Amino acid sequence: MKLAGRVWKYGDGLSATDIVPAAYDPLTLVYDWDRCAEQPFEENDPGFGPGAAAGDVIIAGRALGAGHAHYHVTAIMACRFRGIGAIL
């Protein structure tokens, strides 16, 4: 598989709530993935929202997605519906 897109590089300790803030958790409860897809990295990287495009790749360090399992679904589905090509 060959990926093409912008690379978004982050360091260690990027938790699930760093990807999508916990304030958007109610969107998960109603499966509003399109709205979740608008929120990734809103608090940690304001440039991601307007700059990220389908096919982009996120590269992060250790403990990617750490935190309470409840928030993992929100983070994963937000990236999927945003069109992120890969998360490494």
C-alpha atoms as a PDB file:
ATOM      1  CA  MET A   1       0.000   0.000   0.000  1.00  0.00           C
ATOM      2  CA  LYS A   2       1.272   3.446  -0.878  1.00  0.00           C
ATOM      3  CA  LEU A   3       0.100   6.495   1.063  1.00  0.00           C
ATOM      4  CA  ALA A   4       0.219  10.059  -0.147  1.00  0.00           C
ATOM      5  CA  GLY A   5      -0.614  13.075   1.978  1.00  0.00           C
ATOM      6  CA  ARG A   6       0.699  15.477   4.544  1.00  0.00           C
ATOM      7  CA  VAL A   7       2.401  14.063   7.646  1.00  0.00           C
ATOM      8  CA  TRP A   8       1.329  15.359  11.068  1.00  0.00           C
ATOM      9  CA  LYS A   9       4.036  14.517  13.627  1.00  0.00           C
ATOM     10  CA  TYR A  10       3.422  14.488  17.381  1.00  0.00           C
ATOM     11  CA  GLY A  11       5.501  13.388  20.348  1.00  0.00           C
ATOM     12  CA  ASP A  12       4.957  10.934  23.185  1.00  0.00           C
ATOM     13  CA  GLY A  13       1.908  10.762  25.424  1.00  0.00           C
ATOM     14  CA  LEU A  14      -0.793  11.750  22.939  1.00  0.00           C
ATOM     15  CA  SER A  15      -3.937  10.533  24.686  1.00  0.00           C
ATOM     16  CA  ALA A  16      -7.319   9.800  23.164  1.00  0.00           C
ATOM     17  CA  THR A  17      -8.679  13.027  24.681  1.00  0.00           C
ATOM     18  CA  ASP A  18      -5.805  14.969  23.097  1.00  0.00           C
ATOM     19  CA  ILE A  19      -7.119  13.762  19.755  1.00  0.00           C
ATOM     20  CA  VAL A  20     -10.778  14.601  20.493  1.00  0.00           C
ATOM     21  CA  PRO A  21     -11.417  16.541  23.710  1.00  0.00           C
ATOM     22  CA  ALA A  22     -13.661  14.868  26.298  1.00  0.00           C
ATOM     23  CA  ALA A  23     -16.162  17.724  25.900  1.00  0.00           C
ATOM     24  CA  TYR A  24     -17.256  16.109  22.622  1.00  0.00           C
ATOM     25  CA  ASP A  25     -18.004  12.751  24.226  1.00  0.00           C
ATOM     26  CA  PRO A  26     -21.799  13.229  23.852  1.00  0.00           C
ATOM     27  CA  LEU A  27     -21.257  13.015  20.079  1.00  0.00           C
ATOM     28  CA  THR A  28     -20.000   9.464  20.601  1.00  0.00           C
ATOM     29  CA  LEU A  29     -23.131   8.524  22.495  1.00  0.00           C
ATOM     30  CA  VAL A  30     -25.263   9.434  19.466  1.00  0.00           C
ATOM     31  CA  TYR A  31     -22.722   8.165  16.898  1.00  0.00           C
ATOM     32  CA  ASP A  32     -22.338  11.580  15.296  1.00  0.00           C
ATOM     33  CA  TRP A  33     -19.028  10.747  13.633  1.00  0.00           C
ATOM     34  CA  ASP A  34     -19.232  13.569  11.105  1.00  0.00           C
ATOM     35  CA  ARG A  35     -19.273  16.131  13.940  1.00  0.00           C
ATOM     36  CA  CYS A  36     -16.501  14.244  15.758  1.00  0.00           C
ATOM     37  CA  ALA A  37     -14.418  14.486  12.583  1.00  0.00           C
ATOM     38  CA  GLU A  38     -14.460  18.283  12.899  1.00  0.00           C
ATOM     39  CA  GLN A  39     -12.775  18.185  16.321  1.00  0.00           C
ATOM     40  CA  PRO A  40      -9.433  16.310  16.133  1.00  0.00           C
ATOM     41  CA  PHE A  41      -6.546  18.118  17.838  1.00  0.00           C
ATOM     42  CA  GLU A  42      -8.722  21.193  18.383  1.00  0.00           C
ATOM     43  CA  GLU A  43      -6.988  22.032  21.686  1.00  0.00           C
ATOM     44  CA  ASN A  44      -3.472  20.763  20.890  1.00  0.00           C
ATOM     45  CA  ASP A  45      -2.892  21.702  17.258  1.00  0.00           C
ATOM     46  CA  PRO A  46      -5.225  24.425  15.952  1.00  0.00           C
ATOM     47  CA  GLY A  47      -3.656  24.091  12.488  1.00  0.00           C
ATOM     48  CA  PHE A  48      -4.864  20.520  12.121  1.00  0.00           C
ATOM     49  CA  GLY A  49      -8.537  21.431  11.667  1.00  0.00           C
ATOM     50  CA  PRO A  50      -8.157  23.701   8.656  1.00  0.00           C
ATOM     51  CA  GLY A  51      -5.055  21.953   7.300  1.00  0.00           C
ATOM     52  CA  ALA A  52      -5.742  18.227   7.476  1.00  0.00           C
ATOM     53  CA  ALA A  53      -7.064  16.494   4.394  1.00  0.00           C
ATOM     54  CA  ALA A  54      -8.110  13.011   3.384  1.00  0.00           C
ATOM     55  CA  GLY A  55      -5.105  10.731   3.047  1.00  0.00           C
ATOM     56  CA  ASP A  56      -2.947  12.575   5.583  1.00  0.00           C
ATOM     57  CA  VAL A  57      -0.876  10.531   8.026  1.00  0.00           C
ATOM     58  CA  ILE A  58      -0.473  11.015  11.775  1.00  0.00           C
ATOM     59  CA  ILE A  59       2.790   9.867  13.347  1.00  0.00           C
ATOM     60  CA  ALA A  60       3.045   9.875  17.127  1.00  0.00           C
ATOM     61  CA  GLY A  61       5.393   8.568  19.804  1.00  0.00           C
ATOM     62  CA  ARG A  62       4.849   6.304  22.784  1.00  0.00           C
ATOM     63  CA  ALA A  63       1.515   5.897  24.549  1.00  0.00           C
ATOM     64  CA  LEU A  64      -0.549   7.005  21.555  1.00  0.00           C
ATOM     65  CA  GLY A  65      -4.215   6.887  22.514  1.00  0.00           C
ATOM     66  CA  ALA A  66      -3.518   6.361  26.216  1.00  0.00           C
ATOM     67  CA  GLY A  67      -6.314   6.969  28.658  1.00  0.00           C
ATOM     68  CA  HIS A  68      -9.723   5.597  29.427  1.00  0.00           C
ATOM     69  CA  ALA A  69     -10.945   3.095  26.839  1.00  0.00           C
ATOM     70  CA  HIS A  70     -14.265   4.905  26.592  1.00  0.00           C
ATOM     71  CA  TYR A  71     -12.592   7.731  24.619  1.00  0.00           C
ATOM     72  CA  HIS A  72     -10.780   5.486  22.138  1.00  0.00           C
ATOM     73  CA  VAL A  73     -13.838   5.027  19.936  1.00  0.00           C
ATOM     74  CA  THR A  74     -14.296   8.779  19.616  1.00  0.00           C
ATOM     75  CA  ALA A  75     -10.653   9.331  18.628  1.00  0.00           C
ATOM     76  CA  ILE A  76     -10.595   6.453  16.146  1.00  0.00           C
ATOM     77  CA  MET A  77     -13.886   7.284  14.471  1.00  0.00           C
ATOM     78  CA  ALA A  78     -13.078  11.003  14.276  1.00  0.00           C
ATOM     79  CA  CYS A  79      -9.865  10.224  12.393  1.00  0.00           C
ATOM     80  CA  ARG A  80     -11.587   7.666  10.198  1.00  0.00           C
ATOM     81  CA  PHE A  81     -14.402  10.013   9.208  1.00  0.00           C
ATOM     82  CA  ARG A  82     -11.857  12.815   8.685  1.00  0.00           C
ATOM     83  CA  GLY A  83     -10.212  10.569   6.087  1.00  0.00           C
ATOM     84  CA  ILE A  84      -6.872  10.134   7.836  1.00  0.00           C
ATOM     85  CA  GLY A  85      -4.915   7.592   5.803  1.00  0.00           C
ATOM     86  CA  ALA A  86      -2.909   6.098   8.665  1.00  0.00           C
ATOM     87  CA  ILE A  87      -1.966   6.592  12.281  1.00  0.00           C
ATOM     88  CA  LEU A  88       1.495   5.316  13.196  1.00  0.00           C
END
